[in-house]
Amino acid sequence: MTEQRHSPFRDAHEDRETAGDIPDTPQTRARPIGWPLRMMISCAAMNCARSGCSWSC
């Protein structure tokens, strides 16, 4: 039985199909980590700026 989806977001099945088309290289394996890491660095910098520390990039 297949259901018709009405969500604008992709489901896990579509993500898995897309992942099968992406080549397996060191760059593509590292990509999922890049975004969370950038977010953590940004949050740390904002928290530091709020607390008045002298940390700089």
N, C-alpha and C. Protein backbone atom coordinates (compact mmCIF):
# COMPACT_ATOMS: atom_id res chain seq x y z
N MET A 1 0.85 -1.19 0.00
CA MET A 1 0.00 0.00 0.00
C MET A 1 0.89 1.25 0.00
N THR A 2 0.66 2.13 -0.91
CA THR A 2 1.42 3.38 -0.95
C THR A 2 0.50 4.54 -0.63
N GLU A 3 1.02 5.44 0.18
CA GLU A 3 0.25 6.63 0.55
C GLU A 3 0.75 7.82 -0.24
N GLN A 4 -0.13 8.71 -0.58
CA GLN A 4 0.25 9.95 -1.24
C GLN A 4 0.67 10.94 -0.16
N ARG A 5 1.90 11.44 -0.26
CA ARG A 5 2.39 12.41 0.73
C ARG A 5 2.02 13.82 0.29
N HIS A 6 1.63 14.62 1.27
CA HIS A 6 1.27 16.01 0.99
C HIS A 6 2.19 16.98 1.72
N SER A 7 3.34 16.51 2.14
CA SER A 7 4.29 17.34 2.87
C SER A 7 5.27 17.99 1.90
N PRO A 8 5.66 19.24 2.15
CA PRO A 8 6.67 19.87 1.29
C PRO A 8 8.07 19.34 1.59
N PHE A 9 8.23 18.58 2.68
CA PHE A 9 9.53 18.07 3.07
C PHE A 9 9.76 16.67 2.52
N ARG A 10 11.00 16.36 2.28
CA ARG A 10 11.36 15.03 1.78
C ARG A 10 11.22 14.01 2.90
N ASP A 11 10.92 12.77 2.53
CA ASP A 11 10.89 11.71 3.53
C ASP A 11 12.20 10.93 3.47
N ALA A 12 12.39 10.02 4.41
CA ALA A 12 13.63 9.27 4.51
C ALA A 12 13.88 8.43 3.26
N HIS A 13 12.83 7.91 2.66
CA HIS A 13 12.98 7.10 1.45
C HIS A 13 13.59 7.92 0.31
N GLU A 14 13.11 9.14 0.14
CA GLU A 14 13.66 10.01 -0.92
C GLU A 14 15.10 10.39 -0.61
N ASP A 15 15.41 10.65 0.66
CA ASP A 15 16.79 10.97 1.03
C ASP A 15 17.72 9.81 0.72
N ARG A 16 17.27 8.60 1.00
CA ARG A 16 18.09 7.42 0.75
C ARG A 16 18.33 7.22 -0.74
N GLU A 17 17.31 7.46 -1.54
CA GLU A 17 17.48 7.33 -3.00
C GLU A 17 18.48 8.36 -3.52
N THR A 18 18.40 9.58 -3.02
CA THR A 18 19.33 10.63 -3.44
C THR A 18 20.75 10.31 -3.01
N ALA A 19 20.90 9.78 -1.80
CA ALA A 19 22.23 9.45 -1.29
C ALA A 19 22.91 8.38 -2.14
N GLY A 20 22.14 7.53 -2.75
CA GLY A 20 22.71 6.49 -3.61
C GLY A 20 23.35 7.06 -4.87
N ASP A 21 22.95 8.26 -5.28
CA ASP A 21 23.50 8.89 -6.48
C ASP A 21 24.75 9.73 -6.21
N ILE A 22 25.05 9.98 -4.95
CA ILE A 22 26.19 10.82 -4.58
C ILE A 22 27.45 9.96 -4.50
N PRO A 23 28.54 10.38 -5.15
CA PRO A 23 29.77 9.57 -5.11
C PRO A 23 30.34 9.51 -3.68
N ASP A 24 30.98 8.40 -3.36
CA ASP A 24 31.56 8.21 -2.04
C ASP A 24 33.01 8.70 -2.06
N THR A 25 33.22 9.92 -1.61
CA THR A 25 34.55 10.52 -1.55
C THR A 25 34.78 11.08 -0.15
N PRO A 26 36.01 11.40 0.24
CA PRO A 26 36.23 11.99 1.56
C PRO A 26 35.44 13.28 1.77
N GLN A 27 35.27 14.08 0.72
CA GLN A 27 34.53 15.33 0.84
C GLN A 27 33.05 15.08 1.10
N THR A 28 32.44 14.13 0.40
CA THR A 28 31.01 13.88 0.61
C THR A 28 30.76 13.18 1.93
N ARG A 29 31.70 12.39 2.41
CA ARG A 29 31.52 11.76 3.72
C ARG A 29 31.65 12.78 4.84
N ALA A 30 32.44 13.82 4.66
CA ALA A 30 32.65 14.82 5.70
C ALA A 30 31.57 15.90 5.71
N ARG A 31 30.80 16.03 4.66
CA ARG A 31 29.84 17.13 4.52
C ARG A 31 28.81 17.20 5.65
N PRO A 32 28.23 16.08 6.13
CA PRO A 32 27.23 16.22 7.19
C PRO A 32 27.77 16.83 8.48
N ILE A 33 29.07 16.74 8.70
CA ILE A 33 29.66 17.31 9.91
C ILE A 33 29.87 18.81 9.77
N GLY A 34 30.06 19.29 8.57
CA GLY A 34 30.39 20.71 8.38
C GLY A 34 29.37 21.67 8.96
N TRP A 35 28.10 21.45 8.70
CA TRP A 35 27.06 22.38 9.16
C TRP A 35 26.96 22.43 10.68
N PRO A 36 26.85 21.29 11.39
CA PRO A 36 26.79 21.38 12.86
C PRO A 36 28.04 22.01 13.46
N LEU A 37 29.19 21.74 12.87
CA LEU A 37 30.43 22.31 13.39
C LEU A 37 30.42 23.83 13.24
N ARG A 38 29.99 24.32 12.08
CA ARG A 38 29.91 25.78 11.89
C ARG A 38 28.92 26.40 12.86
N MET A 39 27.82 25.71 13.11
CA MET A 39 26.82 26.24 14.05
C MET A 39 27.39 26.30 15.46
N MET A 40 28.14 25.27 15.87
CA MET A 40 28.72 25.27 17.21
C MET A 40 29.73 26.40 17.36
N ILE A 41 30.54 26.63 16.34
CA ILE A 41 31.54 27.70 16.40
C ILE A 41 30.83 29.06 16.46
N SER A 42 29.79 29.24 15.67
CA SER A 42 29.05 30.50 15.68
C SER A 42 28.42 30.75 17.05
N CYS A 43 27.80 29.71 17.62
CA CYS A 43 27.18 29.85 18.94
C CYS A 43 28.22 30.16 19.99
N ALA A 44 29.37 29.51 19.93
CA ALA A 44 30.43 29.77 20.90
C ALA A 44 30.91 31.22 20.79
N ALA A 45 31.05 31.71 19.56
CA ALA A 45 31.49 33.08 19.38
C ALA A 45 30.46 34.08 19.90
N MET A 46 29.17 33.81 19.66
CA MET A 46 28.13 34.71 20.16
C MET A 46 28.06 34.68 21.68
N ASN A 47 28.17 33.50 22.26
CA ASN A 47 28.15 33.40 23.72
C ASN A 47 29.35 34.11 24.33
N CYS A 48 30.47 34.00 23.69
CA CYS A 48 31.68 34.67 24.16
C CYS A 48 31.51 36.18 24.08
N ALA A 49 30.95 36.66 22.99
CA ALA A 49 30.74 38.11 22.81
C ALA A 49 29.77 38.64 23.87
N ARG A 50 28.75 37.87 24.19
CA ARG A 50 27.77 38.29 25.21
C ARG A 50 28.40 38.36 26.59
N SER A 51 29.31 37.44 26.85
CA SER A 51 29.90 37.40 28.20
C SER A 51 31.10 38.32 28.33
N GLY A 52 31.54 38.92 27.23
CA GLY A 52 32.62 39.91 27.30
C GLY A 52 34.01 39.31 27.24
N CYS A 53 34.16 38.09 26.81
CA CYS A 53 35.51 37.51 26.72
C CYS A 53 36.23 38.10 25.51
N SER A 54 37.52 37.85 25.42
CA SER A 54 38.32 38.45 24.33
C SER A 54 38.71 37.43 23.27
N TRP A 55 37.92 36.37 23.11
CA TRP A 55 38.21 35.35 22.11
C TRP A 55 37.96 35.90 20.73
N SER A 56 38.84 35.65 19.79
CA SER A 56 38.62 36.10 18.40
C SER A 56 39.00 35.00 17.44
N CYS A 57 38.42 35.06 16.25
CA CYS A 57 38.69 34.04 15.22
C CYS A 57 39.90 34.44 14.43
